[in-house]
PDB file of N, CA and C in Angstrom:
ATOM      1  N   UNK A   1     -17.523  14.687 -28.457  1.00  0.00           N
ATOM      2  CA  UNK A   1     -17.665  14.044 -27.164  1.00  0.00           C
ATOM      3  C   UNK A   1     -16.711  14.713 -26.167  1.00  0.00           C
ATOM      4  N   UNK A   2     -17.235  15.071 -25.002  1.00  0.00           N
ATOM      5  CA  UNK A   2     -16.410  15.726 -23.993  1.00  0.00           C
ATOM      6  C   UNK A   2     -15.619  14.695 -23.202  1.00  0.00           C
ATOM      7  N   UNK A   3     -14.400  15.053 -22.770  1.00  0.00           N
ATOM      8  CA  UNK A   3     -13.609  14.093 -21.971  1.00  0.00           C
ATOM      9  C   UNK A   3     -14.256  13.849 -20.615  1.00  0.00           C
ATOM     10  N   UNK A   4     -14.048  12.641 -20.101  1.00  0.00           N
ATOM     11  CA  UNK A   4     -14.633  12.264 -18.820  1.00  0.00           C
ATOM     12  C   UNK A   4     -13.985  13.069 -17.691  1.00  0.00           C
ATOM     13  N   UNK A   5     -14.793  13.591 -16.802  1.00  0.00           N
ATOM     14  CA  UNK A   5     -14.318  14.402 -15.690  1.00  0.00           C
ATOM     15  C   UNK A   5     -13.703  13.504 -14.612  1.00  0.00           C
ATOM     16  N   UNK A   6     -12.508  13.882 -14.123  1.00  0.00           N
ATOM     17  CA  UNK A   6     -11.832  13.118 -13.080  1.00  0.00           C
ATOM     18  C   UNK A   6     -12.197  13.735 -11.731  1.00  0.00           C
ATOM     19  N   UNK A   7     -12.809  12.941 -10.820  1.00  0.00           N
ATOM     20  CA  UNK A   7     -13.185  13.502  -9.518  1.00  0.00           C
ATOM     21  C   UNK A   7     -11.946  13.822  -8.683  1.00  0.00           C
ATOM     22  N   UNK A   8     -11.930  15.015  -8.083  1.00  0.00           N
ATOM     23  CA  UNK A   8     -10.832  15.448  -7.234  1.00  0.00           C
ATOM     24  C   UNK A   8     -11.287  15.479  -5.781  1.00  0.00           C
ATOM     25  N   UNK A   9     -10.371  15.167  -4.878  1.00  0.00           N
ATOM     26  CA  UNK A   9     -10.642  15.220  -3.442  1.00  0.00           C
ATOM     27  C   UNK A   9      -9.499  15.957  -2.757  1.00  0.00           C
ATOM     28  N   UNK A  10      -9.788  16.564  -1.612  1.00  0.00           N
ATOM     29  CA  UNK A  10      -8.795  17.308  -0.855  1.00  0.00           C
ATOM     30  C   UNK A  10      -8.322  16.483   0.326  1.00  0.00           C
ATOM     31  N   UNK A  11      -7.006  16.393   0.499  1.00  0.00           N
ATOM     32  CA  UNK A  11      -6.420  15.680   1.630  1.00  0.00           C
ATOM     33  C   UNK A  11      -6.676  16.482   2.907  1.00  0.00           C
ATOM     34  N   UNK A  12      -7.141  15.820   3.969  1.00  0.00           N
ATOM     35  CA  UNK A  12      -7.423  16.534   5.215  1.00  0.00           C
ATOM     36  C   UNK A  12      -6.148  16.887   5.971  1.00  0.00           C
ATOM     37  N   UNK A  13      -5.008  16.299   5.587  1.00  0.00           N
ATOM     38  CA  UNK A  13      -3.752  16.573   6.280  1.00  0.00           C
ATOM     39  C   UNK A  13      -2.964  17.701   5.610  1.00  0.00           C
ATOM     40  N   UNK A  14      -2.726  17.590   4.300  1.00  0.00           N
ATOM     41  CA  UNK A  14      -1.890  18.587   3.611  1.00  0.00           C
ATOM     42  C   UNK A  14      -2.706  19.581   2.786  1.00  0.00           C
ATOM     43  N   UNK A  15      -4.008  19.363   2.648  1.00  0.00           N
ATOM     44  CA  UNK A  15      -4.938  20.225   1.922  1.00  0.00           C
ATOM     45  C   UNK A  15      -4.669  20.282   0.419  1.00  0.00           C
ATOM     46  N   UNK A  16      -3.932  19.293  -0.111  1.00  0.00           N
ATOM     47  CA  UNK A  16      -3.699  19.216  -1.551  1.00  0.00           C
ATOM     48  C   UNK A  16      -4.875  18.538  -2.224  1.00  0.00           C
ATOM     49  N   UNK A  17      -5.204  19.006  -3.419  1.00  0.00           N
ATOM     50  CA  UNK A  17      -6.286  18.417  -4.187  1.00  0.00           C
ATOM     51  C   UNK A  17      -5.681  17.455  -5.205  1.00  0.00           C
ATOM     52  N   UNK A  18      -6.149  16.198  -5.174  1.00  0.00           N
ATOM     53  CA  UNK A  18      -5.623  15.161  -6.065  1.00  0.00           C
ATOM     54  C   UNK A  18      -6.783  14.322  -6.600  1.00  0.00           C
ATOM     55  N   UNK A  19      -6.524  13.550  -7.664  1.00  0.00           N
ATOM     56  CA  UNK A  19      -7.570  12.635  -8.152  1.00  0.00           C
ATOM     57  C   UNK A  19      -7.974  11.626  -7.078  1.00  0.00           C
ATOM     58  N   UNK A  20      -9.248  11.333  -7.034  1.00  0.00           N
ATOM     59  CA  UNK A  20      -9.817  10.455  -6.009  1.00  0.00           C
ATOM     60  C   UNK A  20      -9.122   9.099  -5.942  1.00  0.00           C
ATOM     61  N   UNK A  21      -8.751   8.526  -7.072  1.00  0.00           N
ATOM     62  CA  UNK A  21      -8.147   7.194  -7.110  1.00  0.00           C
ATOM     63  C   UNK A  21      -6.753   7.146  -6.489  1.00  0.00           C
ATOM     64  N   UNK A  22      -6.084   8.296  -6.362  1.00  0.00           N
ATOM     65  CA  UNK A  22      -4.742   8.351  -5.788  1.00  0.00           C
ATOM     66  C   UNK A  22      -4.762   8.521  -4.270  1.00  0.00           C
ATOM     67  N   UNK A  23      -5.943   8.646  -3.691  1.00  0.00           N
ATOM     68  CA  UNK A  23      -6.044   8.940  -2.270  1.00  0.00           C
ATOM     69  C   UNK A  23      -6.655   7.780  -1.494  1.00  0.00           C
ATOM     70  N   UNK A  24      -6.422   7.779  -0.187  1.00  0.00           N
ATOM     71  CA  UNK A  24      -7.032   6.796   0.708  1.00  0.00           C
ATOM     72  C   UNK A  24      -8.272   7.428   1.333  1.00  0.00           C
ATOM     73  N   UNK A  25      -9.297   6.623   1.523  1.00  0.00           N
ATOM     74  CA  UNK A  25     -10.526   7.102   2.144  1.00  0.00           C
ATOM     75  C   UNK A  25     -10.622   6.521   3.544  1.00  0.00           C
ATOM     76  N   UNK A  26     -10.931   7.380   4.499  1.00  0.00           N
ATOM     77  CA  UNK A  26     -11.199   6.945   5.866  1.00  0.00           C
ATOM     78  C   UNK A  26     -12.692   7.128   6.061  1.00  0.00           C
ATOM     79  N   UNK A  27     -13.346   6.070   6.499  1.00  0.00           N
ATOM     80  CA  UNK A  27     -14.801   6.044   6.538  1.00  0.00           C
ATOM     81  C   UNK A  27     -15.320   5.887   7.961  1.00  0.00           C
ATOM     82  N   UNK A  28     -16.387   6.616   8.275  1.00  0.00           N
ATOM     83  CA  UNK A  28     -17.105   6.451   9.538  1.00  0.00           C
ATOM     84  C   UNK A  28     -18.512   5.989   9.179  1.00  0.00           C
ATOM     85  N   UNK A  29     -18.868   4.756   9.588  1.00  0.00           N
ATOM     86  CA  UNK A  29     -20.178   4.221   9.232  1.00  0.00           C
ATOM     87  C   UNK A  29     -21.247   4.649  10.248  1.00  0.00           C
ATOM     88  N   UNK A  30     -22.454   4.188  10.052  1.00  0.00           N
ATOM     89  CA  UNK A  30     -23.582   4.584  10.895  1.00  0.00           C
ATOM     90  C   UNK A  30     -23.413   4.154  12.350  1.00  0.00           C
ATOM     91  N   UNK A  31     -22.666   3.068  12.583  1.00  0.00           N
ATOM     92  CA  UNK A  31     -22.436   2.597  13.955  1.00  0.00           C
ATOM     93  C   UNK A  31     -21.312   3.362  14.641  1.00  0.00           C
ATOM     94  N   UNK A  32     -20.626   4.248  13.905  1.00  0.00           N
ATOM     95  CA  UNK A  32     -19.549   5.035  14.480  1.00  0.00           C
ATOM     96  C   UNK A  32     -18.177   4.408  14.343  1.00  0.00           C
ATOM     97  N   UNK A  33     -18.084   3.292  13.612  1.00  0.00           N
ATOM     98  CA  UNK A  33     -16.804   2.613  13.405  1.00  0.00           C
ATOM     99  C   UNK A  33     -16.000   3.368  12.340  1.00  0.00           C
ATOM    100  N   UNK A  34     -14.730   3.631  12.644  1.00  0.00           N
ATOM    101  CA  UNK A  34     -13.860   4.359  11.728  1.00  0.00           C
ATOM    102  C   UNK A  34     -12.767   3.418  11.243  1.00  0.00           C
ATOM    103  N   UNK A  35     -12.559   3.391   9.901  1.00  0.00           N
ATOM    104  CA  UNK A  35     -11.532   2.518   9.341  1.00  0.00           C
ATOM    105  C   UNK A  35     -11.107   2.983   7.961  1.00  0.00           C
ATOM    106  N   UNK A  36      -9.973   2.474   7.500  1.00  0.00           N
ATOM    107  CA  UNK A  36      -9.507   2.778   6.149  1.00  0.00           C
ATOM    108  C   UNK A  36     -10.371   2.038   5.145  1.00  0.00           C
ATOM    109  N   UNK A  37     -10.711   2.718   4.072  1.00  0.00           N
ATOM    110  CA  UNK A  37     -11.534   2.131   3.021  1.00  0.00           C
ATOM    111  C   UNK A  37     -10.697   2.081   1.747  1.00  0.00           C
ATOM    112  N   UNK A  38     -10.058   0.934   1.489  1.00  0.00           N
ATOM    113  CA  UNK A  38      -9.187   0.806   0.330  1.00  0.00           C
ATOM    114  C   UNK A  38      -9.976   0.752  -0.974  1.00  0.00           C
ATOM    115  N   UNK A  39     -11.230   0.285  -0.924  1.00  0.00           N
ATOM    116  CA  UNK A  39     -12.033   0.196  -2.140  1.00  0.00           C
ATOM    117  C   UNK A  39     -12.668   1.538  -2.496  1.00  0.00           C
ATOM    118  N   UNK A  40     -12.867   2.401  -1.488  1.00  0.00           N
ATOM    119  CA  UNK A  40     -13.501   3.693  -1.725  1.00  0.00           C
ATOM    120  C   UNK A  40     -15.003   3.602  -1.869  1.00  0.00           C
ATOM    121  N   UNK A  41     -15.595   2.470  -1.466  1.00  0.00           N
ATOM    122  CA  UNK A  41     -17.029   2.267  -1.679  1.00  0.00           C
ATOM    123  C   UNK A  41     -17.822   1.927  -0.423  1.00  0.00           C
ATOM    124  N   UNK A  42     -17.180   1.938   0.740  1.00  0.00           N
ATOM    125  CA  UNK A  42     -17.921   1.636   1.967  1.00  0.00           C
ATOM    126  C   UNK A  42     -18.937   2.738   2.242  1.00  0.00           C
ATOM    127  N   UNK A  43     -20.097   2.385   2.798  1.00  0.00           N
ATOM    128  CA  UNK A  43     -21.088   3.415   3.107  1.00  0.00           C
ATOM    129  C   UNK A  43     -20.659   4.233   4.326  1.00  0.00           C
ATOM    130  N   UNK A  44     -21.064   5.475   4.352  1.00  0.00           N
ATOM    131  CA  UNK A  44     -20.775   6.328   5.495  1.00  0.00           C
ATOM    132  C   UNK A  44     -20.050   7.601   5.103  1.00  0.00           C
ATOM    133  N   UNK A  45     -19.751   8.397   6.102  1.00  0.00           N
ATOM    134  CA  UNK A  45     -19.054   9.670   5.909  1.00  0.00           C
ATOM    135  C   UNK A  45     -17.594   9.387   5.614  1.00  0.00           C
ATOM    136  N   UNK A  46     -17.063  10.022   4.589  1.00  0.00           N
ATOM    137  CA  UNK A  46     -15.690   9.767   4.201  1.00  0.00           C
ATOM    138  C   UNK A  46     -14.796  10.983   4.318  1.00  0.00           C
ATOM    139  N   UNK A  47     -13.532  10.729   4.587  1.00  0.00           N
ATOM    140  CA  UNK A  47     -12.493  11.754   4.587  1.00  0.00           C
ATOM    141  C   UNK A  47     -11.338  11.189   3.776  1.00  0.00           C
ATOM    142  N   UNK A  48     -10.695  12.036   3.006  1.00  0.00           N
ATOM    143  CA  UNK A  48      -9.632  11.576   2.127  1.00  0.00           C
ATOM    144  C   UNK A  48      -8.279  12.053   2.611  1.00  0.00           C
ATOM    145  N   UNK A  49      -7.271  11.190   2.415  1.00  0.00           N
ATOM    146  CA  UNK A  49      -5.909  11.492   2.830  1.00  0.00           C
ATOM    147  C   UNK A  49      -4.949  10.958   1.770  1.00  0.00           C
ATOM    148  N   UNK A  50      -3.848  11.674   1.567  1.00  0.00           N
ATOM    149  CA  UNK A  50      -2.833  11.257   0.588  1.00  0.00           C
ATOM    150  C   UNK A  50      -2.287   9.884   0.973  1.00  0.00           C
ATOM    151  N   UNK A  51      -1.832   9.188  -0.020  1.00  0.00           N
ATOM    152  CA  UNK A  51      -1.258   7.861   0.186  1.00  0.00           C
ATOM    153  C   UNK A  51       0.225   7.995   0.552  1.00  0.00           C
ATOM    154  N   UNK A  52       0.515   8.774   1.615  1.00  0.00           N
ATOM    155  CA  UNK A  52       1.902   8.985   2.039  1.00  0.00           C
ATOM    156  C   UNK A  52       2.004   8.872   3.557  1.00  0.00           C
ATOM    157  N   UNK A  53       3.161   8.433   4.014  1.00  0.00           N
ATOM    158  CA  UNK A  53       3.384   8.266   5.449  1.00  0.00           C
ATOM    159  C   UNK A  53       3.356   9.608   6.173  1.00  0.00           C
ATOM    160  N   UNK A  54       3.787  10.688   5.507  1.00  0.00           N
ATOM    161  CA  UNK A  54       3.782  12.018   6.132  1.00  0.00           C
ATOM    162  C   UNK A  54       2.363  12.448   6.491  1.00  0.00           C
ATOM    163  N   UNK A  55       1.438  12.252   5.576  1.00  0.00           N
ATOM    164  CA  UNK A  55       0.052  12.654   5.838  1.00  0.00           C
ATOM    165  C   UNK A  55      -0.595  11.769   6.902  1.00  0.00           C
ATOM    166  N   UNK A  56      -0.260  10.485   6.914  1.00  0.00           N
ATOM    167  CA  UNK A  56      -0.778   9.583   7.947  1.00  0.00           C
ATOM    168  C   UNK A  56      -0.270  10.020   9.319  1.00  0.00           C
ATOM    169  N   UNK A  57       1.006  10.409   9.397  1.00  0.00           N
ATOM    170  CA  UNK A  57       1.577  10.879  10.665  1.00  0.00           C
ATOM    171  C   UNK A  57       0.917  12.189  11.104  1.00  0.00           C
ATOM    172  N   UNK A  58       0.676  13.092  10.152  1.00  0.00           N
ATOM    173  CA  UNK A  58       0.037  14.376  10.453  1.00  0.00           C
ATOM    174  C   UNK A  58      -1.399  14.164  10.924  1.00  0.00           C
ATOM    175  N   UNK A  59      -2.060  13.146  10.387  1.00  0.00           N
ATOM    176  CA  UNK A  59      -3.432  12.803  10.780  1.00  0.00           C
ATOM    177  C   UNK A  59      -3.506  12.567  12.282  1.00  0.00           C
ATOM    178  N   UNK A  60      -2.548  11.798  12.794  1.00  0.00           N
ATOM    179  CA  UNK A  60      -2.523  11.469  14.228  1.00  0.00           C
ATOM    180  C   UNK A  60      -2.036  12.651  15.073  1.00  0.00           C
ATOM    181  N   UNK A  61      -0.993  13.315  14.618  1.00  0.00           N
ATOM    182  CA  UNK A  61      -0.387  14.409  15.384  1.00  0.00           C
ATOM    183  C   UNK A  61      -1.392  15.521  15.681  1.00  0.00           C
ATOM    184  N   UNK A  62      -2.182  15.907  14.680  1.00  0.00           N
ATOM    185  CA  UNK A  62      -3.130  17.012  14.840  1.00  0.00           C
ATOM    186  C   UNK A  62      -4.569  16.546  15.091  1.00  0.00           C
ATOM    187  N   UNK A  63      -4.755  15.232  15.266  1.00  0.00           N
ATOM    188  CA  UNK A  63      -6.076  14.658  15.546  1.00  0.00           C
ATOM    189  C   UNK A  63      -7.128  15.169  14.549  1.00  0.00           C
ATOM    190  N   UNK A  64      -6.817  14.993  13.284  1.00  0.00           N
ATOM    191  CA  UNK A  64      -7.661  15.533  12.223  1.00  0.00           C
ATOM    192  C   UNK A  64      -9.006  14.819  12.083  1.00  0.00           C
ATOM    193  N   UNK A  65      -9.088  13.565  12.532  1.00  0.00           N
ATOM    194  CA  UNK A  65     -10.371  12.867  12.455  1.00  0.00           C
ATOM    195  C   UNK A  65     -11.376  13.449  13.448  1.00  0.00           C
ATOM    196  N   UNK A  66     -10.904  13.974  14.574  1.00  0.00           N
ATOM    197  CA  UNK A  66     -11.788  14.645  15.540  1.00  0.00           C
ATOM    198  C   UNK A  66     -12.538  15.769  14.828  1.00  0.00           C
ATOM    199  N   UNK A  67     -11.781  16.561  14.078  1.00  0.00           N
ATOM    200  CA  UNK A  67     -12.347  17.728  13.405  1.00  0.00           C
ATOM    201  C   UNK A  67     -13.239  17.327  12.248  1.00  0.00           C
ATOM    202  N   UNK A  68     -12.801  16.357  11.477  1.00  0.00           N
ATOM    203  CA  UNK A  68     -13.539  15.998  10.277  1.00  0.00           C
ATOM    204  C   UNK A  68     -14.846  15.265  10.566  1.00  0.00           C
ATOM    205  N   UNK A  69     -14.845  14.376  11.560  1.00  0.00           N
ATOM    206  CA  UNK A  69     -16.043  13.609  11.872  1.00  0.00           C
ATOM    207  C   UNK A  69     -16.849  14.215  13.026  1.00  0.00           C
ATOM    208  N   UNK A  70     -16.377  15.315  13.598  1.00  0.00           N
ATOM    209  CA  UNK A  70     -17.075  16.019  14.691  1.00  0.00           C
ATOM    210  C   UNK A  70     -17.426  15.089  15.848  1.00  0.00           C
ATOM    211  N   UNK A  71     -16.463  14.264  16.246  1.00  0.00           N
ATOM    212  CA  UNK A  71     -16.667  13.378  17.378  1.00  0.00           C
ATOM    213  C   UNK A  71     -15.320  13.047  17.997  1.00  0.00           C
ATOM    214  N   UNK A  72     -15.348  12.495  19.189  1.00  0.00           N
ATOM    215  CA  UNK A  72     -14.131  12.076  19.878  1.00  0.00           C
ATOM    216  C   UNK A  72     -13.650  10.766  19.258  1.00  0.00           C
ATOM    217  N   UNK A  73     -12.398  10.727  18.815  1.00  0.00           N
ATOM    218  CA  UNK A  73     -11.827   9.539  18.183  1.00  0.00           C
ATOM    219  C   UNK A  73     -10.712   9.011  19.081  1.00  0.00           C
ATOM    220  N   UNK A  74     -10.831   7.775  19.566  1.00  0.00           N
ATOM    221  CA  UNK A  74      -9.804   7.218  20.450  1.00  0.00           C
ATOM    222  C   UNK A  74      -8.448   7.057  19.751  1.00  0.00           C
ATOM    223  N   UNK A  75      -7.389   7.091  20.523  1.00  0.00           N
ATOM    224  CA  UNK A  75      -6.025   6.945  20.015  1.00  0.00           C
ATOM    225  C   UNK A  75      -5.836   5.608  19.304  1.00  0.00           C
ATOM    226  N   UNK A  76      -6.564   4.565  19.744  1.00  0.00           N
ATOM    227  CA  UNK A  76      -6.448   3.246  19.125  1.00  0.00           C
ATOM    228  C   UNK A  76      -6.827   3.283  17.639  1.00  0.00           C
ATOM    229  N   UNK A  77      -7.781   4.133  17.286  1.00  0.00           N
ATOM    230  CA  UNK A  77      -8.205   4.253  15.886  1.00  0.00           C
ATOM    231  C   UNK A  77      -7.043   4.757  15.036  1.00  0.00           C
ATOM    232  N   UNK A  78      -6.333   5.783  15.532  1.00  0.00           N
ATOM    233  CA  UNK A  78      -5.191   6.319  14.798  1.00  0.00           C
ATOM    234  C   UNK A  78      -4.105   5.256  14.645  1.00  0.00           C
ATOM    235  N   UNK A  79      -3.851   4.507  15.708  1.00  0.00           N
ATOM    236  CA  UNK A  79      -2.845   3.442  15.650  1.00  0.00           C
ATOM    237  C   UNK A  79      -3.242   2.362  14.646  1.00  0.00           C
ATOM    238  N   UNK A  80      -4.522   1.990  14.654  1.00  0.00           N
ATOM    239  CA  UNK A  80      -5.005   0.959  13.732  1.00  0.00           C
ATOM    240  C   UNK A  80      -4.908   1.431  12.273  1.00  0.00           C
ATOM    241  N   UNK A  81      -5.206   2.702  12.030  1.00  0.00           N
ATOM    242  CA  UNK A  81      -5.099   3.253  10.682  1.00  0.00           C
ATOM    243  C   UNK A  81      -3.649   3.218  10.221  1.00  0.00           C
ATOM    244  N   UNK A  82      -2.715   3.584  11.115  1.00  0.00           N
ATOM    245  CA  UNK A  82      -1.290   3.525  10.764  1.00  0.00           C
ATOM    246  C   UNK A  82      -0.865   2.088  10.452  1.00  0.00           C
ATOM    247  N   UNK A  83      -1.323   1.123  11.264  1.00  0.00           N
ATOM    248  CA  UNK A  83      -0.981  -0.276  11.032  1.00  0.00           C
ATOM    249  C   UNK A  83      -1.547  -0.777   9.705  1.00  0.00           C
ATOM    250  N   UNK A  84      -2.810  -0.431   9.412  1.00  0.00           N
ATOM    251  CA  UNK A  84      -3.431  -0.841   8.138  1.00  0.00           C
ATOM    252  C   UNK A  84      -2.692  -0.232   6.959  1.00  0.00           C
ATOM    253  N   UNK A  85      -2.316   1.047   7.091  1.00  0.00           N
ATOM    254  CA  UNK A  85      -1.606   1.744   6.019  1.00  0.00           C
ATOM    255  C   UNK A  85      -0.253   1.099   5.771  1.00  0.00           C
ATOM    256  N   UNK A  86       0.495   0.858   6.837  1.00  0.00           N
ATOM    257  CA  UNK A  86       1.828   0.256   6.690  1.00  0.00           C
ATOM    258  C   UNK A  86       1.724  -1.175   6.172  1.00  0.00           C
ATOM    259  N   UNK A  87       0.682  -1.886   6.592  1.00  0.00           N
ATOM    260  CA  UNK A  87       0.469  -3.255   6.104  1.00  0.00           C
ATOM    261  C   UNK A  87       0.149  -3.285   4.620  1.00  0.00           C
ATOM    262  N   UNK A  88      -0.554  -2.289   4.123  1.00  0.00           N
ATOM    263  CA  UNK A  88      -0.897  -2.252   2.691  1.00  0.00           C
ATOM    264  C   UNK A  88       0.300  -1.865   1.837  1.00  0.00           C
ATOM    265  N   UNK A  89       1.300  -1.222   2.429  1.00  0.00           N
ATOM    266  CA  UNK A  89       2.481  -0.795   1.686  1.00  0.00           C
ATOM    267  C   UNK A  89       3.470  -1.928   1.487  1.00  0.00           C
ATOM    268  N   UNK A  90       3.353  -2.992   2.243  1.00  0.00           N
ATOM    269  CA  UNK A  90       4.314  -4.108   2.150  1.00  0.00           C
ATOM    270  C   UNK A  90       3.979  -5.030   1.019  1.00  0.00           C
TER     271      UNK A  90
END
């Protein structure tokens, strides 16, 4: 019996490849709403980011969601993602 394959994802901020379960997923649904997906199962286009404050800060600094989702992302979205991330760490 072959061992089960662990899915790997690349962080959009630091470009490190890590197991999917160790990363946070940012999801853009069909209506264009962007939010953190802690379950990893929301429908829509996903982008993965390390579960670290450095990568969350880099996400906002370089406006990485603009590039990944190919659309204009308001500053409020970045602020909300930071708030959700910090709230989940407490």
